[in-house]
Amino acid sequence: MNDQLWEMVKAQLGYDDEEMAQFRNNPKTAGIVAKLPLLMQTKFVCEVIKSGGCGAQHRVGDKLYFDGFGCLIPEMNPKRTCAFAISSISQLIWTAQELVYAGVDPNEMHLNKVCCIDVGVKCGGIGNVVFAFKAEPNG
């Protein structure tokens, strides 16, 4: 693996030399860093497939976009994004990243749907939104 990639990681994460040395000494780190170019070419999309009573007004067909590192892509997302949806979606993104690190297409994920943490009005909550995950190439 080239030093330029390691330097990019150091700059992105803001590590000092000691932290970078510790990061590089972790036996699993090289496998992660090796897959970063692939993650940089990927976006994760979570599409609303069911919605009711959502305070953020997420509707069926709406999509939330994240880069391969798991960060919201502001210019591609709605003005309002519900924190209670993000908490559930983050688990799918973490899993997708792990699949990429293992050399598996994240679209092979079998359990690729989550819902926000609100249980919905029928169960004593306010609303509920269900999202389906997929990975797409950037571009």
Protein backbone atom coordinates (compact mmCIF):
# COMPACT_ATOMS: atom_id res chain seq x y z
CA MET A 1 0.00 0.00 0.00
CA ASN A 2 1.42 3.38 -0.92
CA ASP A 3 2.40 6.03 1.60
CA GLN A 4 0.23 8.62 -0.15
CA LEU A 5 -2.89 6.74 0.92
CA TRP A 6 -1.67 6.58 4.52
CA GLU A 7 -0.91 10.33 4.44
CA MET A 8 -4.40 11.03 3.10
CA VAL A 9 -5.88 9.06 6.01
CA LYS A 10 -3.69 10.91 8.51
CA ALA A 11 -4.80 14.29 7.13
CA GLN A 12 -8.49 13.32 6.94
CA LEU A 13 -8.57 12.03 10.52
CA GLY A 14 -6.33 14.75 11.91
CA TYR A 15 -3.99 12.27 13.55
CA ASP A 16 -0.68 13.37 15.00
CA ASP A 17 2.37 11.17 14.40
CA GLU A 18 1.80 9.12 17.56
CA GLU A 19 -1.85 8.44 16.73
CA MET A 20 -0.95 7.54 13.15
CA ALA A 21 1.70 5.09 14.33
CA GLN A 22 -0.85 3.45 16.62
CA PHE A 23 -3.39 3.34 13.78
CA ARG A 24 -0.89 1.74 11.38
CA ASN A 25 0.18 -0.82 14.00
CA ASN A 26 -3.36 -2.19 14.28
CA PRO A 27 -3.28 -5.41 12.20
CA LYS A 28 -6.77 -4.74 10.79
CA THR A 29 -6.05 -1.20 9.67
CA ALA A 30 -4.19 -2.09 6.46
CA GLY A 31 -7.21 -4.02 5.20
CA ILE A 32 -9.45 -1.05 5.86
CA VAL A 33 -7.14 1.49 4.28
CA ALA A 34 -6.69 -0.72 1.22
CA LYS A 35 -10.46 -0.53 0.57
CA LEU A 36 -10.71 3.26 0.96
CA PRO A 37 -10.38 3.93 -2.79
CA LEU A 38 -13.42 1.72 -3.37
CA LEU A 39 -15.39 3.45 -0.61
CA MET A 40 -14.47 6.83 -2.12
CA GLN A 41 -16.12 5.69 -5.37
CA THR A 42 -19.31 4.54 -3.62
CA LYS A 43 -22.36 6.21 -2.20
CA PHE A 44 -24.92 4.61 0.08
CA VAL A 45 -28.59 5.30 -0.59
CA CYS A 46 -31.41 4.77 1.87
CA GLU A 47 -34.83 5.05 0.25
CA VAL A 48 -38.05 5.53 2.16
CA ILE A 49 -40.29 2.54 1.38
CA LYS A 50 -42.94 3.16 4.06
CA SER A 51 -43.82 6.30 6.00
CA GLY A 52 -46.50 7.51 8.36
CA GLY A 53 -46.63 10.36 10.86
CA CYS A 54 -43.06 11.48 10.21
CA GLY A 55 -42.26 14.84 11.79
CA ALA A 56 -39.45 15.40 9.29
CA GLN A 57 -41.98 14.63 6.52
CA HIS A 58 -39.95 11.83 4.93
CA ARG A 59 -42.19 10.35 2.22
CA VAL A 60 -42.12 7.11 0.22
CA GLY A 61 -39.55 7.49 -2.54
CA ASP A 62 -37.43 10.06 -0.69
CA LYS A 63 -33.76 9.13 -0.50
CA LEU A 64 -30.96 9.87 1.91
CA TYR A 65 -27.46 9.84 0.43
CA PHE A 66 -24.21 9.11 2.26
CA ASP A 67 -20.68 8.94 0.93
CA GLY A 68 -18.67 5.75 1.34
CA PHE A 69 -17.33 7.02 4.65
CA GLY A 70 -20.86 7.29 6.03
CA CYS A 71 -21.25 11.07 5.89
CA LEU A 72 -24.44 12.72 4.65
CA ILE A 73 -23.98 14.37 1.26
CA PRO A 74 -25.69 17.72 1.99
CA GLU A 75 -26.44 18.77 -1.59
CA MET A 76 -28.21 15.46 -2.31
CA ASN A 77 -30.36 15.26 0.82
CA PRO A 78 -33.61 16.84 1.93
CA LYS A 79 -33.35 20.02 3.99
CA ARG A 80 -34.63 18.10 7.01
CA THR A 81 -33.26 14.71 8.02
CA CYS A 82 -34.60 12.99 11.11
CA ALA A 83 -32.02 12.10 13.77
CA PHE A 84 -34.12 9.09 14.76
CA ALA A 85 -33.79 7.71 11.23
CA ILE A 86 -30.05 8.35 11.12
CA SER A 87 -29.47 6.30 14.26
CA SER A 88 -30.93 3.22 12.56
CA ILE A 89 -29.43 3.89 9.13
CA SER A 90 -25.96 4.17 10.66
CA GLN A 91 -26.08 0.46 11.47
CA LEU A 92 -26.66 -0.41 7.81
CA ILE A 93 -23.83 1.84 6.70
CA TRP A 94 -21.47 0.29 9.26
CA THR A 95 -22.43 -3.16 8.00
CA ALA A 96 -21.96 -2.08 4.37
CA GLN A 97 -18.49 -0.77 5.14
CA GLU A 98 -17.60 -4.04 6.87
CA LEU A 99 -18.75 -5.95 3.79
CA VAL A 100 -16.57 -3.76 1.57
CA TYR A 101 -13.57 -4.37 3.86
CA ALA A 102 -14.24 -8.11 3.54
CA GLY A 103 -14.38 -7.88 -0.25
CA VAL A 104 -18.13 -8.45 -0.46
CA ASP A 105 -20.54 -6.28 -2.47
CA PRO A 106 -22.64 -4.42 0.14
CA ASN A 107 -25.70 -4.96 -2.05
CA GLU A 108 -25.44 -8.63 -1.06
CA MET A 109 -26.63 -7.64 2.43
CA HIS A 110 -29.73 -9.75 3.10
CA LEU A 111 -31.24 -7.69 5.91
CA ASN A 112 -31.04 -4.32 4.19
CA LYS A 113 -34.00 -2.50 5.73
CA VAL A 114 -34.36 -0.53 8.94
CA CYS A 115 -36.89 1.81 10.45
CA CYS A 116 -36.54 4.87 12.60
CA ILE A 117 -36.66 4.31 16.34
CA ASP A 118 -40.18 5.73 16.71
CA VAL A 119 -42.65 2.84 16.95
CA GLY A 120 -45.49 4.74 15.27
CA VAL A 121 -48.84 6.00 16.50
CA LYS A 122 -50.46 2.52 16.65
CA CYS A 123 -47.89 1.45 19.24
CA GLY A 124 -47.95 4.66 21.31
CA GLY A 125 -45.39 6.64 19.33
CA ILE A 126 -45.73 9.42 16.79
CA GLY A 127 -44.68 8.04 13.42
CA ASN A 128 -42.54 5.44 11.70
CA VAL A 129 -40.43 5.38 8.54
CA VAL A 130 -38.84 2.34 6.89
CA PHE A 131 -35.72 2.66 4.72
CA ALA A 132 -34.17 0.24 2.20
CA PHE A 133 -30.41 0.34 1.67
CA LYS A 134 -28.35 0.02 -1.49
CA ALA A 135 -24.84 0.96 -2.57
CA GLU A 136 -24.26 2.78 -5.86
CA PRO A 137 -21.19 4.00 -7.70
CA ASN A 138 -20.56 7.74 -7.58
CA GLY A 139 -21.09 9.62 -10.76
